[in-house]
C-alpha atoms as a PDB file:
ATOM      1  CA  MET A   1      20.782  41.611  -1.729  1.00  0.00           C
ATOM      2  CA  ALA A   2      24.216  40.113  -0.846  1.00  0.00           C
ATOM      3  CA  ASN A   3      24.506  42.822   1.552  1.00  0.00           C
ATOM      4  CA  ILE A   4      21.605  42.257   3.524  1.00  0.00           C
ATOM      5  CA  ASP A   5      21.066  40.745   6.809  1.00  0.00           C
ATOM      6  CA  ILE A   6      17.950  39.076   8.348  1.00  0.00           C
ATOM      7  CA  GLN A   7      17.768  39.081  12.341  1.00  0.00           C
ATOM      8  CA  ARG A   8      13.917  37.423  12.658  1.00  0.00           C
ATOM      9  CA  ASN A   9      11.836  38.314  15.871  1.00  0.00           C
ATOM     10  CA  ASP A  10      12.415  34.382  17.141  1.00  0.00           C
ATOM     11  CA  GLN A  11      14.085  32.677  20.324  1.00  0.00           C
ATOM     12  CA  VAL A  12      17.141  32.018  18.831  1.00  0.00           C
ATOM     13  CA  ARG A  13      17.418  36.038  17.157  1.00  0.00           C
ATOM     14  CA  ALA A  14      20.185  34.405  14.758  1.00  0.00           C
ATOM     15  CA  ILE A  15      21.737  37.080  12.183  1.00  0.00           C
ATOM     16  CA  LYS A  16      21.857  35.733   8.602  1.00  0.00           C
ATOM     17  CA  PRO A  17      22.117  37.465   4.935  1.00  0.00           C
ATOM     18  CA  ILE A  18      19.349  36.529   2.622  1.00  0.00           C
ATOM     19  CA  PRO A  19      20.561  33.160   0.768  1.00  0.00           C
ATOM     20  CA  ALA A  20      21.572  33.112  -2.231  1.00  0.00           C
ATOM     21  CA  GLU A  21      19.140  31.080  -4.105  1.00  0.00           C
ATOM     22  CA  HIS A  22      16.214  33.577  -2.342  1.00  0.00           C
ATOM     23  CA  GLU A  23      17.570  36.251  -3.533  1.00  0.00           C
ATOM     24  CA  GLN A  24      15.855  36.177  -7.147  1.00  0.00           C
ATOM     25  CA  TYR A  25      12.845  37.027  -5.256  1.00  0.00           C
ATOM     26  CA  TYR A  26      14.143  40.422  -3.560  1.00  0.00           C
ATOM     27  CA  THR A  27      13.990  44.118  -5.015  1.00  0.00           C
ATOM     28  CA  VAL A  28      16.094  46.866  -3.295  1.00  0.00           C
ATOM     29  CA  LEU A  29      13.910  50.198  -4.107  1.00  0.00           C
ATOM     30  CA  GLY A  30      16.299  52.065  -2.707  1.00  0.00           C
ATOM     31  CA  CYS A  31      19.465  53.482  -0.531  1.00  0.00           C
ATOM     32  CA  ALA A  32      19.853  56.838   1.635  1.00  0.00           C
ATOM     33  CA  GLU A  33      21.509  58.294   4.442  1.00  0.00           C
ATOM     34  CA  GLY A  34      22.374  54.492   5.681  1.00  0.00           C
ATOM     35  CA  TRP A  35      18.618  53.216   5.103  1.00  0.00           C
ATOM     36  CA  VAL A  36      17.490  50.667   2.612  1.00  0.00           C
ATOM     37  CA  ALA A  37      14.165  49.246   1.485  1.00  0.00           C
ATOM     38  CA  TYR A  38      13.111  46.237  -0.517  1.00  0.00           C
ATOM     39  CA  SER A  39      10.555  44.007  -1.312  1.00  0.00           C
ATOM     40  CA  ILE A  40       9.731  40.854  -2.135  1.00  0.00           C
ATOM     41  CA  SER A  41       7.624  38.924  -4.720  1.00  0.00           C
ATOM     42  CA  ASP A  42       4.698  36.741  -4.518  1.00  0.00           C
ATOM     43  CA  ASP A  43       6.172  33.651  -5.789  1.00  0.00           C
ATOM     44  CA  GLY A  44       8.940  34.691  -2.852  1.00  0.00           C
ATOM     45  CA  ILE A  45       6.972  34.681  -0.591  1.00  0.00           C
ATOM     46  CA  ARG A  46       5.360  31.036  -1.189  1.00  0.00           C
ATOM     47  CA  ALA A  47       9.010  29.864  -1.935  1.00  0.00           C
ATOM     48  CA  ILE A  48       9.798  30.949   1.782  1.00  0.00           C
ATOM     49  CA  GLY A  49       7.188  29.968   3.540  1.00  0.00           C
ATOM     50  CA  LEU A  50       6.384  33.470   4.754  1.00  0.00           C
ATOM     51  CA  ASP A  51       3.428  35.066   7.097  1.00  0.00           C
ATOM     52  CA  GLY A  52       1.134  37.693   6.651  1.00  0.00           C
ATOM     53  CA  GLY A  53       1.076  37.766   3.291  1.00  0.00           C
ATOM     54  CA  ASN A  54       2.872  40.418   0.644  1.00  0.00           C
ATOM     55  CA  ALA A  55       1.345  43.778   2.289  1.00  0.00           C
ATOM     56  CA  TRP A  56       5.011  45.286   3.338  1.00  0.00           C
ATOM     57  CA  TYR A  57       8.589  46.807   2.138  1.00  0.00           C
ATOM     58  CA  ASN A  58      10.931  45.644   4.651  1.00  0.00           C
ATOM     59  CA  VAL A  59      13.561  47.920   5.821  1.00  0.00           C
ATOM     60  CA  GLY A  60      16.887  47.745   6.829  1.00  0.00           C
ATOM     61  CA  LYS A  61      20.083  49.880   8.520  1.00  0.00           C
ATOM     62  CA  LEU A  62      23.510  50.181   7.575  1.00  0.00           C
ATOM     63  CA  GLN A  63      25.669  48.681  10.564  1.00  0.00           C
ATOM     64  CA  ALA A  64      29.643  49.306  11.262  1.00  0.00           C
ATOM     65  CA  ASN A  65      30.541  46.149   9.665  1.00  0.00           C
ATOM     66  CA  GLY A  66      29.123  47.778   5.893  1.00  0.00           C
ATOM     67  CA  ARG A  67      26.410  45.408   5.924  1.00  0.00           C
ATOM     68  CA  TYR A  68      22.383  46.606   6.178  1.00  0.00           C
ATOM     69  CA  LEU A  69      20.602  44.703   8.950  1.00  0.00           C
ATOM     70  CA  THR A  70      16.821  44.111   9.104  1.00  0.00           C
ATOM     71  CA  ASP A  71      16.134  43.349  12.338  1.00  0.00           C
ATOM     72  CA  PHE A  72      12.524  42.137  12.736  1.00  0.00           C
ATOM     73  CA  GLY A  73      12.466  43.049  16.377  1.00  0.00           C
ATOM     74  CA  LYS A  74      12.510  46.779  15.568  1.00  0.00           C
ATOM     75  CA  LEU A  75       9.322  48.928  14.456  1.00  0.00           C
ATOM     76  CA  TRP A  76      11.087  50.151  11.481  1.00  0.00           C
ATOM     77  CA  ALA A  77      12.129  46.809   9.703  1.00  0.00           C
ATOM     78  CA  SER A  78       8.578  46.820   7.649  1.00  0.00           C
ATOM     79  CA  ILE A  79       6.315  49.469   6.055  1.00  0.00           C
ATOM     80  CA  TYR A  80       3.110  49.046   4.340  1.00  0.00           C
ATOM     81  CA  ASN A  81       3.642  49.037   0.743  1.00  0.00           C
ATOM     82  CA  TRP A  82       1.854  50.788  -1.991  1.00  0.00           C
ATOM     83  CA  GLU A  83      -0.750  48.536  -2.790  1.00  0.00           C
ATOM     84  CA  SER A  84      -1.892  48.001   0.674  1.00  0.00           C
ATOM     85  CA  LEU A  85      -1.529  51.826   1.239  1.00  0.00           C
ATOM     86  CA  GLY A  86      -4.424  52.081  -2.253  1.00  0.00           C
ATOM     87  CA  TYR A  87      -6.699  49.969  -0.049  1.00  0.00           C
ATOM     88  CA  ALA A  88      -6.081  52.584   2.772  1.00  0.00           C
ATOM     89  CA  VAL A  89      -7.337  55.613   0.559  1.00  0.00           C
ATOM     90  CA  GLN A  90     -10.302  53.470  -0.720  1.00  0.00           C
ATOM     91  CA  ASN A  91     -11.338  53.248   3.126  1.00  0.00           C
ATOM     92  CA  GLY A  92     -10.913  56.842   3.441  1.00  0.00           C
ATOM     93  CA  GLN A  93      -8.095  56.863   5.641  1.00  0.00           C
ATOM     94  CA  PHE A  94      -5.742  58.730   3.660  1.00  0.00           C
ATOM     95  CA  ALA A  95      -6.271  61.142   0.612  1.00  0.00           C
ATOM     96  CA  THR A  96      -3.208  59.755  -1.173  1.00  0.00           C
ATOM     97  CA  VAL A  97      -1.110  56.427  -0.769  1.00  0.00           C
ATOM     98  CA  GLN A  98       2.222  59.540  -0.379  1.00  0.00           C
ATOM     99  CA  GLN A  99       0.817  60.797   2.992  1.00  0.00           C
ATOM    100  CA  GLY A 100      -0.290  57.216   3.888  1.00  0.00           C
ATOM    101  CA  MET A 101       3.508  56.674   3.247  1.00  0.00           C
ATOM    102  CA  ASP A 102       4.959  59.475   4.713  1.00  0.00           C
ATOM    103  CA  LYS A 103       2.438  58.781   8.154  1.00  0.00           C
ATOM    104  CA  GLU A 104       4.472  55.190   7.728  1.00  0.00           C
ATOM    105  CA  PHE A 105       7.968  56.329   7.568  1.00  0.00           C
ATOM    106  CA  ALA A 106       6.821  58.838  10.607  1.00  0.00           C
ATOM    107  CA  ASP A 107       5.397  56.377  12.534  1.00  0.00           C
ATOM    108  CA  LYS A 108       7.871  53.718  12.090  1.00  0.00           C
ATOM    109  CA  GLY A 109      11.210  56.485  13.136  1.00  0.00           C
ATOM    110  CA  ILE A 110      12.283  56.161   9.281  1.00  0.00           C
ATOM    111  CA  PRO A 111      13.291  60.314   8.349  1.00  0.00           C
ATOM    112  CA  VAL A 112      10.136  61.646   6.252  1.00  0.00           C
ATOM    113  CA  ARG A 113      12.627  63.170   3.713  1.00  0.00           C
ATOM    114  CA  LEU A 114      13.981  60.096   2.510  1.00  0.00           C
ATOM    115  CA  ARG A 115      10.675  58.090   1.425  1.00  0.00           C
ATOM    116  CA  THR A 116      10.989  58.816  -2.398  1.00  0.00           C
ATOM    117  CA  GLN A 117      14.613  57.835  -2.464  1.00  0.00           C
ATOM    118  CA  LEU A 118      13.968  54.477  -0.615  1.00  0.00           C
ATOM    119  CA  VAL A 119      10.258  53.679  -1.740  1.00  0.00           C
ATOM    120  CA  GLY A 120       9.792  56.258  -5.008  1.00  0.00           C
ATOM    121  CA  ALA A 121       7.054  58.489  -5.697  1.00  0.00           C
ATOM    122  CA  GLY A 122       4.361  56.559  -5.660  1.00  0.00           C
ATOM    123  CA  PRO A 123       1.152  55.902  -8.129  1.00  0.00           C
ATOM    124  CA  ALA A 124      -0.332  59.520  -9.112  1.00  0.00           C
ATOM    125  CA  ALA A 125      -3.550  60.127  -7.414  1.00  0.00           C
ATOM    126  CA  GLY A 126      -5.682  58.422  -9.918  1.00  0.00           C
ATOM    127  CA  SER A 127      -6.668  60.803 -12.439  1.00  0.00           C
ATOM    128  CA  CYS A 128     -10.019  61.206 -12.569  1.00  0.00           C
ATOM    129  CA  THR A 129     -10.403  60.755 -16.725  1.00  0.00           C
ATOM    130  CA  VAL A 130     -12.181  58.157 -18.922  1.00  0.00           C
ATOM    131  CA  ALA A 131      -8.648  57.298 -19.838  1.00  0.00           C
ATOM    132  CA  ASN A 132      -7.564  56.151 -16.496  1.00  0.00           C
ATOM    133  CA  ILE A 133     -10.302  53.599 -15.985  1.00  0.00           C
ATOM    134  CA  ASP A 134      -9.900  50.094 -16.691  1.00  0.00           C
ATOM    135  CA  ILE A 135     -12.700  47.248 -16.657  1.00  0.00           C
ATOM    136  CA  GLN A 136     -12.361  43.078 -15.772  1.00  0.00           C
ATOM    137  CA  ARG A 137     -15.712  41.776 -16.778  1.00  0.00           C
ATOM    138  CA  ASN A 138     -16.946  38.898 -15.134  1.00  0.00           C
ATOM    139  CA  ASP A 139     -16.345  35.910 -17.607  1.00  0.00           C
ATOM    140  CA  GLN A 140     -13.642  33.223 -17.822  1.00  0.00           C
ATOM    141  CA  VAL A 141     -11.174  35.266 -18.969  1.00  0.00           C
ATOM    142  CA  ARG A 142     -11.414  37.997 -15.769  1.00  0.00           C
ATOM    143  CA  ALA A 143      -8.706  40.114 -18.279  1.00  0.00           C
ATOM    144  CA  ILE A 144      -8.291  43.459 -16.989  1.00  0.00           C
ATOM    145  CA  LYS A 145      -8.210  46.309 -20.239  1.00  0.00           C
ATOM    146  CA  PRO A 146      -8.754  49.841 -20.180  1.00  0.00           C
ATOM    147  CA  ILE A 147     -11.689  51.404 -21.969  1.00  0.00           C
ATOM    148  CA  PRO A 148     -10.636  51.229 -25.565  1.00  0.00           C
ATOM    149  CA  ALA A 149      -9.768  54.480 -26.241  1.00  0.00           C
ATOM    150  CA  GLU A 150     -12.455  54.954 -29.665  1.00  0.00           C
ATOM    151  CA  HIS A 151     -15.413  53.639 -27.019  1.00  0.00           C
ATOM    152  CA  GLU A 152     -14.298  56.952 -24.354  1.00  0.00           C
ATOM    153  CA  GLN A 153     -16.778  59.146 -26.589  1.00  0.00           C
ATOM    154  CA  TYR A 154     -19.055  56.696 -24.812  1.00  0.00           C
ATOM    155  CA  TYR A 155     -18.517  57.700 -20.975  1.00  0.00           C
ATOM    156  CA  THR A 156     -18.942  59.871 -18.585  1.00  0.00           C
ATOM    157  CA  VAL A 157     -16.942  60.606 -15.454  1.00  0.00           C
ATOM    158  CA  LEU A 158     -19.535  61.985 -12.479  1.00  0.00           C
ATOM    159  CA  GLY A 159     -17.220  62.546 -10.313  1.00  0.00           C
ATOM    160  CA  CYS A 160     -14.077  60.937  -7.972  1.00  0.00           C
ATOM    161  CA  ALA A 161     -13.703  60.759  -4.573  1.00  0.00           C
ATOM    162  CA  GLU A 162     -11.472  59.393  -1.932  1.00  0.00           C
ATOM    163  CA  GLY A 163     -10.306  56.390  -4.347  1.00  0.00           C
ATOM    164  CA  TRP A 164     -13.247  55.980  -5.917  1.00  0.00           C
ATOM    165  CA  VAL A 165     -14.669  57.044  -9.236  1.00  0.00           C
ATOM    166  CA  ALA A 166     -18.396  56.347 -11.211  1.00  0.00           C
ATOM    167  CA  TYR A 167     -19.359  57.191 -14.252  1.00  0.00           C
ATOM    168  CA  SER A 168     -21.784  56.314 -17.079  1.00  0.00           C
ATOM    169  CA  ILE A 169     -22.664  55.532 -20.583  1.00  0.00           C
ATOM    170  CA  SER A 170     -24.368  56.699 -22.925  1.00  0.00           C
ATOM    171  CA  ASP A 171     -27.843  55.424 -24.663  1.00  0.00           C
ATOM    172  CA  ASP A 172     -25.597  54.718 -27.755  1.00  0.00           C
ATOM    173  CA  GLY A 173     -22.300  53.633 -25.952  1.00  0.00           C
ATOM    174  CA  ILE A 174     -24.799  50.908 -25.068  1.00  0.00           C
ATOM    175  CA  ARG A 175     -25.560  50.196 -28.873  1.00  0.00           C
ATOM    176  CA  ALA A 176     -22.254  50.338 -29.912  1.00  0.00           C
ATOM    177  CA  ILE A 177     -20.158  48.298 -27.803  1.00  0.00           C
ATOM    178  CA  GLY A 178     -23.531  45.388 -27.408  1.00  0.00           C
ATOM    179  CA  LEU A 179     -23.646  45.644 -23.678  1.00  0.00           C
ATOM    180  CA  ASP A 180     -26.331  43.458 -21.913  1.00  0.00           C
ATOM    181  CA  GLY A 181     -29.089  44.650 -19.584  1.00  0.00           C
ATOM    182  CA  GLY A 182     -30.369  48.451 -20.732  1.00  0.00           C
ATOM    183  CA  ASN A 183     -28.662  51.540 -19.346  1.00  0.00           C
ATOM    184  CA  ALA A 184     -30.340  51.581 -15.769  1.00  0.00           C
ATOM    185  CA  TRP A 185     -26.663  51.863 -14.313  1.00  0.00           C
ATOM    186  CA  TYR A 186     -23.796  54.140 -13.509  1.00  0.00           C
ATOM    187  CA  ASN A 187     -20.713  51.868 -13.184  1.00  0.00           C
ATOM    188  CA  VAL A 188     -18.346  52.410 -10.100  1.00  0.00           C
ATOM    189  CA  GLY A 189     -14.217  51.842 -10.308  1.00  0.00           C
ATOM    190  CA  LYS A 190     -11.810  51.777  -7.471  1.00  0.00           C
ATOM    191  CA  LEU A 191      -8.466  53.511  -7.099  1.00  0.00           C
ATOM    192  CA  GLN A 192      -5.794  50.627  -7.709  1.00  0.00           C
ATOM    193  CA  ALA A 193      -1.446  50.705  -6.340  1.00  0.00           C
ATOM    194  CA  ASN A 194      -0.642  51.014 -10.106  1.00  0.00           C
ATOM    195  CA  GLY A 195      -2.453  54.861  -9.797  1.00  0.00           C
ATOM    196  CA  ARG A 196      -5.804  53.411 -12.477  1.00  0.00           C
ATOM    197  CA  TYR A 197      -9.175  52.823 -11.345  1.00  0.00           C
ATOM    198  CA  LEU A 198     -10.719  49.530 -11.781  1.00  0.00           C
ATOM    199  CA  THR A 199     -14.481  48.113 -12.540  1.00  0.00           C
ATOM    200  CA  GLU A 200     -14.376  45.234 -11.185  1.00  0.00           C
ATOM    201  CA  PHE A 201     -17.936  43.340 -12.508  1.00  0.00           C
ATOM    202  CA  GLY A 202     -17.145  40.406  -9.676  1.00  0.00           C
ATOM    203  CA  GLN A 203     -17.672  42.863  -7.170  1.00  0.00           C
ATOM    204  CA  LEU A 204     -20.872  44.145  -5.329  1.00  0.00           C
ATOM    205  CA  TRP A 205     -19.572  47.876  -5.513  1.00  0.00           C
ATOM    206  CA  ALA A 206     -19.036  47.430  -9.139  1.00  0.00           C
ATOM    207  CA  SER A 207     -22.753  48.992 -10.940  1.00  0.00           C
ATOM    208  CA  ILE A 208     -25.245  51.004  -8.693  1.00  0.00           C
ATOM    209  CA  TYR A 209     -28.694  51.763 -10.617  1.00  0.00           C
ATOM    210  CA  ASN A 210     -28.526  55.571 -11.732  1.00  0.00           C
ATOM    211  CA  TRP A 211     -30.673  58.398 -11.138  1.00  0.00           C
ATOM    212  CA  GLU A 212     -33.453  57.048 -14.126  1.00  0.00           C
ATOM    213  CA  SER A 213     -33.651  54.042 -12.342  1.00  0.00           C
ATOM    214  CA  LEU A 214     -34.221  55.458  -9.109  1.00  0.00           C
ATOM    215  CA  GLY A 215     -36.912  57.472 -10.496  1.00  0.00           C
ATOM    216  CA  TYR A 216     -39.124  54.686 -11.546  1.00  0.00           C
ATOM    217  CA  ALA A 217     -38.506  53.076  -7.666  1.00  0.00           C
ATOM    218  CA  VAL A 218     -40.041  56.004  -6.687  1.00  0.00           C
ATOM    219  CA  GLN A 219     -43.153  56.168  -8.405  1.00  0.00           C
ATOM    220  CA  ASN A 220     -43.577  52.553  -7.737  1.00  0.00           C
ATOM    221  CA  GLY A 221     -43.803  54.102  -3.682  1.00  0.00           C
ATOM    222  CA  GLN A 222     -40.143  52.035  -2.957  1.00  0.00           C
ATOM    223  CA  PHE A 223     -38.445  55.058  -2.195  1.00  0.00           C
ATOM    224  CA  ALA A 224     -39.997  58.753  -0.830  1.00  0.00           C
ATOM    225  CA  THR A 225     -37.187  60.182  -3.315  1.00  0.00           C
ATOM    226  CA  VAL A 226     -34.197  59.284  -5.511  1.00  0.00           C
ATOM    227  CA  GLN A 227     -32.011  60.506  -3.051  1.00  0.00           C
ATOM    228  CA  GLN A 228     -32.832  58.260  -0.318  1.00  0.00           C
ATOM    229  CA  GLY A 229     -32.828  55.423  -3.046  1.00  0.00           C
ATOM    230  CA  MET A 230     -29.128  56.059  -4.002  1.00  0.00           C
ATOM    231  CA  ASP A 231     -28.177  56.214  -0.255  1.00  0.00           C
ATOM    232  CA  LYS A 232     -29.058  52.997  -0.051  1.00  0.00           C
ATOM    233  CA  GLU A 233     -27.257  51.766  -3.311  1.00  0.00           C
ATOM    234  CA  PHE A 234     -24.490  53.214  -1.460  1.00  0.00           C
ATOM    235  CA  ALA A 235     -24.622  51.263   1.348  1.00  0.00           C
ATOM    236  CA  ASP A 236     -26.319  48.164  -0.014  1.00  0.00           C
ATOM    237  CA  LYS A 237     -23.032  48.381  -2.172  1.00  0.00           C
ATOM    238  CA  GLY A 238     -20.396  49.220   0.362  1.00  0.00           C
ATOM    239  CA  ILE A 239     -19.504  52.231  -0.916  1.00  0.00           C
ATOM    240  CA  PRO A 240     -19.358  54.980   1.916  1.00  0.00           C
ATOM    241  CA  VAL A 241     -23.012  56.978   1.737  1.00  0.00           C
ATOM    242  CA  ARG A 242     -21.029  60.634   2.472  1.00  0.00           C
ATOM    243  CA  LEU A 243     -19.366  60.496  -0.809  1.00  0.00           C
ATOM    244  CA  ARG A 244     -22.865  60.108  -2.966  1.00  0.00           C
ATOM    245  CA  THR A 245     -22.846  63.367  -3.662  1.00  0.00           C
ATOM    246  CA  GLN A 246     -19.289  64.089  -4.608  1.00  0.00           C
ATOM    247  CA  LEU A 247     -19.288  61.008  -7.067  1.00  0.00           C
ATOM    248  CA  VAL A 248     -22.869  61.277  -8.671  1.00  0.00           C
ATOM    249  CA  GLY A 249     -24.133  64.589  -7.561  1.00  0.00           C
ATOM    250  CA  ALA A 250     -27.437  66.008  -6.044  1.00  0.00           C
ATOM    251  CA  GLY A 251     -29.780  63.763  -8.254  1.00  0.00           C
ATOM    252  CA  PRO A 252     -32.955  65.186  -9.554  1.00  0.00           C
ATOM    253  CA  THR A 253     -35.412  67.711  -6.954  1.00  0.00           C
ATOM    254  CA  ALA A 254     -37.974  65.868  -8.654  1.00  0.00           C
ATOM    255  CA  PRO A 255     -39.278  63.472 -10.780  1.00  0.00           C
ATOM    256  CA  THR A 256     -38.381  64.797 -14.813  1.00  0.00           C
ATOM    257  CA  TRP A 257     -39.026  61.502 -16.120  1.00  0.00           C
ATOM    258  CA  SER A 258     -42.105  59.713 -18.184  1.00  0.00           C
ATOM    259  CA  GLY A 259     -42.960  56.610 -19.093  1.00  0.00           C
ATOM    260  CA  THR A 260     -42.207  53.342 -17.827  1.00  0.00           C
ATOM    261  CA  PRO A 261     -39.234  51.150 -16.796  1.00  0.00           C
END
């Protein structure tokens, strides 16, 4: 960090080194062919009083004096970080964060071939398995924890698409884990920057009615078909309706359930 200068995009345009007392907040990610990429921590954003949140990596170019310069008047001076690109994947802009980062490099005039050397390989595309799902309960602790290995047998992944995963839990799992509310739902997770899916039960999208529950809604005249009901679930919860078949399947073509809800 001691070899990086910064030129802010202000009226002064002074070139200054990163202050020694601020170096603790920065991390060099990589250097290659006269380029350097580095990050700043959330604590650094707050301590230095920077605007715009922590959505970016900074980029510098090697100068004739042997020092790197980040010139914020240049397009190449900042690129979205892996976490920001994770949200872009969730929103359907890219299939993978790697695809998004390659576009960042290309758009900013940084050689795409240097991506791995400068910012690393990035998080792997989320493995579509129960073992790759974390859960954050809507309680006071709000701890993020993986599904325990001894409970994985109760879960079934229904599908993954564009940074989303949908999965079910069996009736035996409901009883064994001691969950409330019966088994009327599918759970939904979003791909995070660390390559894992997160089901955050404080969010509206974290659960949707399952096909059986929507079957009762059809019986009660709320919908003409369960597919219509599921499309409404997706729309109401902010999940792209176009992904319905990929995430939860086509659904039953005719009611096969019986009994009362």
